[in-house]
Protein backbone atom coordinates (compact mmCIF):
# COMPACT_ATOMS: atom_id res chain seq x y z
CA UNK A 1 0.00 0.00 0.00
CA UNK A 2 1.44 3.33 -1.04
CA UNK A 3 0.73 6.72 0.48
CA UNK A 4 1.47 9.95 -1.35
CA UNK A 5 1.51 13.56 -0.19
CA UNK A 6 1.70 16.34 -2.79
CA UNK A 7 2.52 13.70 -5.45
CA UNK A 8 5.54 12.49 -3.42
CA UNK A 9 5.81 8.97 -2.06
CA UNK A 10 5.88 9.17 1.73
CA UNK A 11 5.06 5.63 2.85
CA UNK A 12 4.91 2.02 1.66
CA UNK A 13 3.26 -0.58 3.86
CA UNK A 14 3.45 -4.31 3.12
CA UNK A 15 -0.06 -5.46 2.23
CA UNK A 16 0.58 -8.89 3.79
CA UNK A 17 2.27 -8.22 7.15
CA UNK A 18 1.65 -4.47 7.58
CA UNK A 19 5.31 -3.54 8.06
CA UNK A 20 6.23 0.02 7.12
CA UNK A 21 9.10 0.10 4.65
CA UNK A 22 11.81 2.72 4.55
CA UNK A 23 11.13 5.69 2.24
CA UNK A 24 13.27 8.83 2.32
CA UNK A 25 12.67 11.86 0.11
CA UNK A 26 10.52 9.88 -2.36
CA UNK A 27 13.15 7.09 -2.61
CA UNK A 28 12.45 3.53 -1.45
CA UNK A 29 15.39 2.40 0.69
CA UNK A 30 14.76 -1.36 0.75
CA UNK A 31 13.48 -4.23 -1.38
CA UNK A 32 9.79 -3.99 -2.27
CA UNK A 33 7.81 -6.18 -4.67
CA UNK A 34 5.06 -4.17 -6.35
CA UNK A 35 2.41 -6.11 -8.25
CA UNK A 36 -0.08 -4.43 -10.58
CA UNK A 37 -2.64 -6.36 -12.58
CA UNK A 38 -5.41 -5.21 -14.90
CA UNK A 39 -7.92 -8.06 -15.11
CA UNK A 40 -9.60 -8.59 -18.44
CA UNK A 41 -12.08 -10.81 -20.17
CA UNK A 42 -12.56 -14.40 -19.03
CA UNK A 43 -11.69 -13.64 -15.41
CA UNK A 44 -13.96 -13.20 -12.44
CA UNK A 45 -12.42 -9.74 -11.96
CA UNK A 46 -13.11 -8.32 -15.44
CA UNK A 47 -12.31 -4.59 -15.53
CA UNK A 48 -10.65 -4.48 -12.10
CA UNK A 49 -7.15 -3.11 -11.41
CA UNK A 50 -5.31 -4.68 -8.47
CA UNK A 51 -2.11 -3.29 -6.91
CA UNK A 52 -0.20 -4.36 -3.82
CA UNK A 53 3.24 -4.14 -2.25
CA UNK A 54 5.13 -6.85 -0.40
CA UNK A 55 8.20 -6.52 1.80
CA UNK A 56 11.11 -8.77 0.85
CA UNK A 57 10.36 -11.27 3.65
CA UNK A 58 6.72 -11.69 2.57
CA UNK A 59 7.78 -11.98 -1.07
CA UNK A 60 10.26 -14.74 -0.16
CA UNK A 61 7.56 -16.64 1.78
CA UNK A 62 5.11 -16.21 -1.12
CA UNK A 63 7.41 -17.60 -3.81
CA UNK A 64 8.44 -20.52 -1.56
CA UNK A 65 4.79 -21.61 -1.67
CA UNK A 66 4.81 -21.95 -5.48
CA UNK A 67 4.48 -25.48 -6.89
CA UNK A 68 6.62 -24.41 -9.86
CA UNK A 69 9.51 -22.24 -8.64
CA UNK A 70 9.85 -18.66 -9.82
CA UNK A 71 12.49 -18.18 -12.48
CA UNK A 72 15.39 -16.26 -10.95
CA UNK A 73 18.27 -14.81 -12.98
CA UNK A 74 21.12 -12.63 -11.83
CA UNK A 75 21.33 -9.15 -13.33
CA UNK A 76 24.85 -8.04 -14.07
CA UNK A 77 23.94 -4.38 -14.59
CA UNK A 78 21.86 -2.48 -12.06
CA UNK A 79 20.23 0.84 -12.82
PDB file of N, CA and C in Angstrom:
ATOM      1  N   UNK A   1       0.844  -1.162   0.000  1.00  0.00           N
ATOM      2  CA  UNK A   1       0.000   0.000   0.000  1.00  0.00           C
ATOM      3  C   UNK A   1       0.894   1.231   0.000  1.00  0.00           C
ATOM      4  N   UNK A   2       0.631   2.120  -0.914  1.00  0.00           N
ATOM      5  CA  UNK A   2       1.444   3.328  -1.042  1.00  0.00           C
ATOM      6  C   UNK A   2       0.645   4.551  -0.622  1.00  0.00           C
ATOM      7  N   UNK A   3       1.328   5.447   0.061  1.00  0.00           N
ATOM      8  CA  UNK A   3       0.733   6.723   0.478  1.00  0.00           C
ATOM      9  C   UNK A   3       1.544   7.851  -0.140  1.00  0.00           C
ATOM     10  N   UNK A   4       0.834   8.798  -0.718  1.00  0.00           N
ATOM     11  CA  UNK A   4       1.467   9.953  -1.352  1.00  0.00           C
ATOM     12  C   UNK A   4       0.977  11.228  -0.678  1.00  0.00           C
ATOM     13  N   UNK A   5       1.846  12.233  -0.690  1.00  0.00           N
ATOM     14  CA  UNK A   5       1.506  13.560  -0.190  1.00  0.00           C
ATOM     15  C   UNK A   5       2.096  14.559  -1.178  1.00  0.00           C
ATOM     16  N   UNK A   6       1.247  15.387  -1.766  1.00  0.00           N
ATOM     17  CA  UNK A   6       1.701  16.339  -2.793  1.00  0.00           C
ATOM     18  C   UNK A   6       2.469  15.635  -3.909  1.00  0.00           C
ATOM     19  N   UNK A   7       1.941  14.501  -4.369  1.00  0.00           N
ATOM     20  CA  UNK A   7       2.521  13.700  -5.447  1.00  0.00           C
ATOM     21  C   UNK A   7       3.889  13.114  -5.116  1.00  0.00           C
ATOM     22  N   UNK A   8       4.280  13.098  -3.845  1.00  0.00           N
ATOM     23  CA  UNK A   8       5.539  12.491  -3.422  1.00  0.00           C
ATOM     24  C   UNK A   8       5.229  11.262  -2.574  1.00  0.00           C
ATOM     25  N   UNK A   9       5.971  10.193  -2.833  1.00  0.00           N
ATOM     26  CA  UNK A   9       5.808   8.967  -2.063  1.00  0.00           C
ATOM     27  C   UNK A   9       6.320   9.189  -0.645  1.00  0.00           C
ATOM     28  N   UNK A  10       5.463   8.969   0.335  1.00  0.00           N
ATOM     29  CA  UNK A  10       5.881   9.172   1.727  1.00  0.00           C
ATOM     30  C   UNK A  10       5.894   7.879   2.539  1.00  0.00           C
ATOM     31  N   UNK A  11       5.158   6.841   2.051  1.00  0.00           N
ATOM     32  CA  UNK A  11       5.059   5.630   2.852  1.00  0.00           C
ATOM     33  C   UNK A  11       4.687   4.448   1.971  1.00  0.00           C
ATOM     34  N   UNK A  12       5.320   3.289   2.251  1.00  0.00           N
ATOM     35  CA  UNK A  12       4.909   2.019   1.660  1.00  0.00           C
ATOM     36  C   UNK A  12       4.713   1.054   2.820  1.00  0.00           C
ATOM     37  N   UNK A  13       3.575   0.398   2.828  1.00  0.00           N
ATOM     38  CA  UNK A  13       3.262  -0.580   3.858  1.00  0.00           C
ATOM     39  C   UNK A  13       3.011  -1.916   3.178  1.00  0.00           C
ATOM     40  N   UNK A  14       3.642  -2.978   3.677  1.00  0.00           N
ATOM     41  CA  UNK A  14       3.451  -4.308   3.125  1.00  0.00           C
ATOM     42  C   UNK A  14       1.988  -4.709   3.284  1.00  0.00           C
ATOM     43  N   UNK A  15       1.350  -5.068   2.185  1.00  0.00           N
ATOM     44  CA  UNK A  15      -0.056  -5.461   2.231  1.00  0.00           C
ATOM     45  C   UNK A  15      -0.268  -6.770   2.988  1.00  0.00           C
ATOM     46  N   UNK A  16       0.761  -7.611   3.112  1.00  0.00           N
ATOM     47  CA  UNK A  16       0.583  -8.894   3.789  1.00  0.00           C
ATOM     48  C   UNK A  16       0.802  -8.787   5.293  1.00  0.00           C
ATOM     49  N   UNK A  17       1.948  -8.228   5.713  1.00  0.00           N
ATOM     50  CA  UNK A  17       2.274  -8.219   7.147  1.00  0.00           C
ATOM     51  C   UNK A  17       2.045  -6.861   7.817  1.00  0.00           C
ATOM     52  N   UNK A  18       1.896  -5.799   7.015  1.00  0.00           N
ATOM     53  CA  UNK A  18       1.653  -4.472   7.576  1.00  0.00           C
ATOM     54  C   UNK A  18       2.895  -3.693   7.969  1.00  0.00           C
ATOM     55  N   UNK A  19       4.077  -4.232   7.683  1.00  0.00           N
ATOM     56  CA  UNK A  19       5.312  -3.543   8.058  1.00  0.00           C
ATOM     57  C   UNK A  19       5.525  -2.313   7.188  1.00  0.00           C
ATOM     58  N   UNK A  20       5.915  -1.215   7.829  1.00  0.00           N
ATOM     59  CA  UNK A  20       6.232   0.022   7.119  1.00  0.00           C
ATOM     60  C   UNK A  20       7.653  -0.085   6.574  1.00  0.00           C
ATOM     61  N   UNK A  21       7.787   0.183   5.280  1.00  0.00           N
ATOM     62  CA  UNK A  21       9.099   0.104   4.647  1.00  0.00           C
ATOM     63  C   UNK A  21       9.740   1.480   4.577  1.00  0.00           C
ATOM     64  N   UNK A  22      11.038   1.485   4.487  1.00  0.00           N
ATOM     65  CA  UNK A  22      11.812   2.718   4.548  1.00  0.00           C
ATOM     66  C   UNK A  22      11.710   3.520   3.243  1.00  0.00           C
ATOM     67  N   UNK A  23      11.207   4.748   3.360  1.00  0.00           N
ATOM     68  CA  UNK A  23      11.131   5.688   2.240  1.00  0.00           C
ATOM     69  C   UNK A  23      11.715   7.004   2.730  1.00  0.00           C
ATOM     70  N   UNK A  24      12.645   7.566   1.947  1.00  0.00           N
ATOM     71  CA  UNK A  24      13.271   8.827   2.320  1.00  0.00           C
ATOM     72  C   UNK A  24      13.320   9.728   1.096  1.00  0.00           C
ATOM     73  N   UNK A  25      12.690  10.873   1.196  1.00  0.00           N
ATOM     74  CA  UNK A  25      12.673  11.856   0.111  1.00  0.00           C
ATOM     75  C   UNK A  25      12.245  11.227  -1.214  1.00  0.00           C
ATOM     76  N   UNK A  26      11.133  10.470  -1.167  1.00  0.00           N
ATOM     77  CA  UNK A  26      10.522   9.879  -2.361  1.00  0.00           C
ATOM     78  C   UNK A  26      11.320   8.696  -2.914  1.00  0.00           C
ATOM     79  N   UNK A  27      12.325   8.208  -2.159  1.00  0.00           N
ATOM     80  CA  UNK A  27      13.154   7.091  -2.609  1.00  0.00           C
ATOM     81  C   UNK A  27      12.946   5.910  -1.655  1.00  0.00           C
ATOM     82  N   UNK A  28      12.620   4.747  -2.237  1.00  0.00           N
ATOM     83  CA  UNK A  28      12.445   3.527  -1.446  1.00  0.00           C
ATOM     84  C   UNK A  28      13.825   2.992  -1.090  1.00  0.00           C
ATOM     85  N   UNK A  29      14.064   2.765   0.201  1.00  0.00           N
ATOM     86  CA  UNK A  29      15.394   2.403   0.692  1.00  0.00           C
ATOM     87  C   UNK A  29      15.542   0.922   1.028  1.00  0.00           C
ATOM     88  N   UNK A  30      14.640   0.076   0.533  1.00  0.00           N
ATOM     89  CA  UNK A  30      14.757  -1.365   0.746  1.00  0.00           C
ATOM     90  C   UNK A  30      13.977  -2.101  -0.326  1.00  0.00           C
ATOM     91  N   UNK A  31      14.140  -3.429  -0.360  1.00  0.00           N
ATOM     92  CA  UNK A  31      13.475  -4.229  -1.380  1.00  0.00           C
ATOM     93  C   UNK A  31      11.963  -4.265  -1.190  1.00  0.00           C
ATOM     94  N   UNK A  32      11.246  -3.959  -2.260  1.00  0.00           N
ATOM     95  CA  UNK A  32       9.787  -3.993  -2.267  1.00  0.00           C
ATOM     96  C   UNK A  32       9.338  -4.650  -3.562  1.00  0.00           C
ATOM     97  N   UNK A  33       8.407  -5.569  -3.476  1.00  0.00           N
ATOM     98  CA  UNK A  33       7.811  -6.180  -4.666  1.00  0.00           C
ATOM     99  C   UNK A  33       6.451  -5.520  -4.877  1.00  0.00           C
ATOM    100  N   UNK A  34       6.320  -4.819  -6.005  1.00  0.00           N
ATOM    101  CA  UNK A  34       5.055  -4.171  -6.346  1.00  0.00           C
ATOM    102  C   UNK A  34       4.403  -4.965  -7.464  1.00  0.00           C
ATOM    103  N   UNK A  35       3.166  -5.352  -7.247  1.00  0.00           N
ATOM    104  CA  UNK A  35       2.415  -6.107  -8.249  1.00  0.00           C
ATOM    105  C   UNK A  35       1.229  -5.264  -8.688  1.00  0.00           C
ATOM    106  N   UNK A  36       1.077  -5.108 -10.004  1.00  0.00           N
ATOM    107  CA  UNK A  36      -0.082  -4.430 -10.585  1.00  0.00           C
ATOM    108  C   UNK A  36      -0.671  -5.330 -11.649  1.00  0.00           C
ATOM    109  N   UNK A  37      -1.975  -5.480 -11.632  1.00  0.00           N
ATOM    110  CA  UNK A  37      -2.643  -6.362 -12.582  1.00  0.00           C
ATOM    111  C   UNK A  37      -3.964  -5.759 -13.014  1.00  0.00           C
ATOM    112  N   UNK A  38      -4.124  -5.584 -14.324  1.00  0.00           N
ATOM    113  CA  UNK A  38      -5.413  -5.212 -14.898  1.00  0.00           C
ATOM    114  C   UNK A  38      -6.086  -6.496 -15.364  1.00  0.00           C
ATOM    115  N   UNK A  39      -7.204  -6.833 -14.766  1.00  0.00           N
ATOM    116  CA  UNK A  39      -7.919  -8.055 -15.113  1.00  0.00           C
ATOM    117  C   UNK A  39      -8.803  -7.793 -16.326  1.00  0.00           C
ATOM    118  N   UNK A  40      -8.835  -8.749 -17.213  1.00  0.00           N
ATOM    119  CA  UNK A  40      -9.598  -8.593 -18.444  1.00  0.00           C
ATOM    120  C   UNK A  40     -10.661  -9.650 -18.598  1.00  0.00           C
ATOM    121  N   UNK A  41     -11.053  -9.828 -19.838  1.00  0.00           N
ATOM    122  CA  UNK A  41     -12.082 -10.811 -20.173  1.00  0.00           C
ATOM    123  C   UNK A  41     -11.697 -12.198 -19.688  1.00  0.00           C
ATOM    124  N   UNK A  42     -12.690 -12.996 -19.429  1.00  0.00           N
ATOM    125  CA  UNK A  42     -12.557 -14.397 -19.033  1.00  0.00           C
ATOM    126  C   UNK A  42     -12.033 -14.570 -17.609  1.00  0.00           C
ATOM    127  N   UNK A  43     -12.037 -13.518 -16.822  1.00  0.00           N
ATOM    128  CA  UNK A  43     -11.688 -13.643 -15.406  1.00  0.00           C
ATOM    129  C   UNK A  43     -12.914 -13.243 -14.583  1.00  0.00           C
ATOM    130  N   UNK A  44     -12.892 -13.612 -13.349  1.00  0.00           N
ATOM    131  CA  UNK A  44     -13.961 -13.203 -12.440  1.00  0.00           C
ATOM    132  C   UNK A  44     -13.781 -11.772 -11.941  1.00  0.00           C
ATOM    133  N   UNK A  45     -12.739 -11.102 -12.404  1.00  0.00           N
ATOM    134  CA  UNK A  45     -12.424  -9.741 -11.963  1.00  0.00           C
ATOM    135  C   UNK A  45     -12.386  -8.780 -13.147  1.00  0.00           C
ATOM    136  N   UNK A  46     -13.111  -9.088 -14.199  1.00  0.00           N
ATOM    137  CA  UNK A  46     -13.114  -8.318 -15.441  1.00  0.00           C
ATOM    138  C   UNK A  46     -13.244  -6.820 -15.171  1.00  0.00           C
ATOM    139  N   UNK A  47     -12.276  -6.046 -15.669  1.00  0.00           N
ATOM    140  CA  UNK A  47     -12.309  -4.594 -15.527  1.00  0.00           C
ATOM    141  C   UNK A  47     -11.704  -4.060 -14.241  1.00  0.00           C
ATOM    142  N   UNK A  48     -11.236  -4.935 -13.365  1.00  0.00           N
ATOM    143  CA  UNK A  48     -10.645  -4.477 -12.101  1.00  0.00           C
ATOM    144  C   UNK A  48      -9.137  -4.299 -12.240  1.00  0.00           C
ATOM    145  N   UNK A  49      -8.601  -3.326 -11.499  1.00  0.00           N
ATOM    146  CA  UNK A  49      -7.152  -3.108 -11.406  1.00  0.00           C
ATOM    147  C   UNK A  49      -6.750  -3.412  -9.967  1.00  0.00           C
ATOM    148  N   UNK A  50      -5.802  -4.324  -9.799  1.00  0.00           N
ATOM    149  CA  UNK A  50      -5.307  -4.677  -8.467  1.00  0.00           C
ATOM    150  C   UNK A  50      -3.861  -4.222  -8.351  1.00  0.00           C
ATOM    151  N   UNK A  51      -3.486  -3.700  -7.183  1.00  0.00           N
ATOM    152  CA  UNK A  51      -2.108  -3.286  -6.913  1.00  0.00           C
ATOM    153  C   UNK A  51      -1.811  -3.577  -5.460  1.00  0.00           C
ATOM    154  N   UNK A  52      -0.630  -4.159  -5.205  1.00  0.00           N
ATOM    155  CA  UNK A  52      -0.201  -4.365  -3.820  1.00  0.00           C
ATOM    156  C   UNK A  52       1.308  -4.373  -3.740  1.00  0.00           C
ATOM    157  N   UNK A  53       1.811  -4.154  -2.524  1.00  0.00           N
ATOM    158  CA  UNK A  53       3.243  -4.136  -2.251  1.00  0.00           C
ATOM    159  C   UNK A  53       3.550  -5.178  -1.186  1.00  0.00           C
ATOM    160  N   UNK A  54       4.669  -5.874  -1.374  1.00  0.00           N
ATOM    161  CA  UNK A  54       5.131  -6.851  -0.395  1.00  0.00           C
ATOM    162  C   UNK A  54       6.551  -6.512   0.036  1.00  0.00           C
ATOM    163  N   UNK A  55       6.823  -6.649   1.331  1.00  0.00           N
ATOM    164  CA  UNK A  55       8.201  -6.519   1.798  1.00  0.00           C
ATOM    165  C   UNK A  55       8.978  -7.741   1.304  1.00  0.00           C
ATOM    166  N   UNK A  56      10.284  -7.689   1.379  1.00  0.00           N
ATOM    167  CA  UNK A  56      11.105  -8.774   0.852  1.00  0.00           C
ATOM    168  C   UNK A  56      10.842 -10.089   1.576  1.00  0.00           C
ATOM    169  N   UNK A  57      10.616 -10.045   2.880  1.00  0.00           N
ATOM    170  CA  UNK A  57      10.358 -11.265   3.646  1.00  0.00           C
ATOM    171  C   UNK A  57       9.052 -11.922   3.209  1.00  0.00           C
ATOM    172  N   UNK A  58       8.004 -11.135   3.006  1.00  0.00           N
ATOM    173  CA  UNK A  58       6.716 -11.688   2.569  1.00  0.00           C
ATOM    174  C   UNK A  58       6.803 -12.195   1.133  1.00  0.00           C
ATOM    175  N   UNK A  59       7.559 -11.510   0.296  1.00  0.00           N
ATOM    176  CA  UNK A  59       7.782 -11.980  -1.065  1.00  0.00           C
ATOM    177  C   UNK A  59       8.471 -13.339  -1.055  1.00  0.00           C
ATOM    178  N   UNK A  60       9.538 -13.469  -0.237  1.00  0.00           N
ATOM    179  CA  UNK A  60      10.262 -14.737  -0.157  1.00  0.00           C
ATOM    180  C   UNK A  60       9.338 -15.869   0.288  1.00  0.00           C
ATOM    181  N   UNK A  61       8.503 -15.615   1.301  1.00  0.00           N
ATOM    182  CA  UNK A  61       7.565 -16.639   1.776  1.00  0.00           C
ATOM    183  C   UNK A  61       6.549 -16.989   0.692  1.00  0.00           C
ATOM    184  N   UNK A  62       6.098 -15.992  -0.055  1.00  0.00           N
ATOM    185  CA  UNK A  62       5.110 -16.211  -1.117  1.00  0.00           C
ATOM    186  C   UNK A  62       5.679 -17.116  -2.209  1.00  0.00           C
ATOM    187  N   UNK A  63       6.878 -16.798  -2.706  1.00  0.00           N
ATOM    188  CA  UNK A  63       7.409 -17.605  -3.811  1.00  0.00           C
ATOM    189  C   UNK A  63       7.830 -19.005  -3.352  1.00  0.00           C
ATOM    190  N   UNK A  64       8.137 -19.181  -2.075  1.00  0.00           N
ATOM    191  CA  UNK A  64       8.445 -20.520  -1.565  1.00  0.00           C
ATOM    192  C   UNK A  64       7.216 -21.419  -1.609  1.00  0.00           C
ATOM    193  N   UNK A  65       6.023 -20.821  -1.635  1.00  0.00           N
ATOM    194  CA  UNK A  65       4.786 -21.611  -1.668  1.00  0.00           C
ATOM    195  C   UNK A  65       4.413 -22.062  -3.079  1.00  0.00           C
ATOM    196  N   UNK A  66       5.123 -21.591  -4.100  1.00  0.00           N
ATOM    197  CA  UNK A  66       4.811 -21.945  -5.484  1.00  0.00           C
ATOM    198  C   UNK A  66       5.116 -23.428  -5.746  1.00  0.00           C
ATOM    199  N   UNK A  67       4.245 -24.096  -6.467  1.00  0.00           N
ATOM    200  CA  UNK A  67       4.485 -25.476  -6.890  1.00  0.00           C
ATOM    201  C   UNK A  67       5.592 -25.501  -7.936  1.00  0.00           C
ATOM    202  N   UNK A  68       5.566 -24.570  -8.866  1.00  0.00           N
ATOM    203  CA  UNK A  68       6.625 -24.410  -9.863  1.00  0.00           C
ATOM    204  C   UNK A  68       7.426 -23.189  -9.442  1.00  0.00           C
ATOM    205  N   UNK A  69       8.717 -23.359  -9.157  1.00  0.00           N
ATOM    206  CA  UNK A  69       9.511 -22.241  -8.644  1.00  0.00           C
ATOM    207  C   UNK A  69       9.550 -21.052  -9.600  1.00  0.00           C
ATOM    208  N   UNK A  70       9.657 -19.874  -9.029  1.00  0.00           N
ATOM    209  CA  UNK A  70       9.845 -18.661  -9.824  1.00  0.00           C
ATOM    210  C   UNK A  70      11.186 -18.755 -10.545  1.00  0.00           C
ATOM    211  N   UNK A  71      11.231 -18.220 -11.744  1.00  0.00           N
ATOM    212  CA  UNK A  71      12.488 -18.176 -12.481  1.00  0.00           C
ATOM    213  C   UNK A  71      13.314 -17.017 -11.942  1.00  0.00           C
ATOM    214  N   UNK A  72      14.528 -17.301 -11.528  1.00  0.00           N
ATOM    215  CA  UNK A  72      15.393 -16.263 -10.951  1.00  0.00           C
ATOM    216  C   UNK A  72      16.692 -16.225 -11.747  1.00  0.00           C
ATOM    217  N   UNK A  73      17.018 -15.035 -12.248  1.00  0.00           N
ATOM    218  CA  UNK A  73      18.271 -14.807 -12.978  1.00  0.00           C
ATOM    219  C   UNK A  73      19.012 -13.685 -12.286  1.00  0.00           C
ATOM    220  N   UNK A  74      20.324 -13.707 -12.401  1.00  0.00           N
ATOM    221  CA  UNK A  74      21.125 -12.630 -11.828  1.00  0.00           C
ATOM    222  C   UNK A  74      21.316 -11.531 -12.867  1.00  0.00           C
ATOM    223  N   UNK A  75      21.059 -10.290 -12.481  1.00  0.00           N
ATOM    224  CA  UNK A  75      21.328  -9.146 -13.331  1.00  0.00           C
ATOM    225  C   UNK A  75      22.767  -8.710 -13.113  1.00  0.00           C
ATOM    226  N   UNK A  76      23.461  -8.467 -14.192  1.00  0.00           N
ATOM    227  CA  UNK A  76      24.853  -8.037 -14.072  1.00  0.00           C
ATOM    228  C   UNK A  76      24.982  -6.518 -14.120  1.00  0.00           C
ATOM    229  N   UNK A  77      23.934  -5.845 -14.567  1.00  0.00           N
ATOM    230  CA  UNK A  77      23.936  -4.378 -14.594  1.00  0.00           C
ATOM    231  C   UNK A  77      22.719  -3.881 -13.843  1.00  0.00           C
ATOM    232  N   UNK A  78      22.956  -3.042 -12.856  1.00  0.00           N
ATOM    233  CA  UNK A  78      21.864  -2.481 -12.064  1.00  0.00           C
ATOM    234  C   UNK A  78      21.725  -1.014 -12.381  1.00  0.00           C
ATOM    235  N   UNK A  79      20.484  -0.584 -12.501  1.00  0.00           N
ATOM    236  CA  UNK A  79      20.232   0.836 -12.822  1.00  0.00           C
ATOM    237  C   UNK A  79      20.143   1.614 -11.530  1.00  0.00           C
TER     238      UNK A  79
END
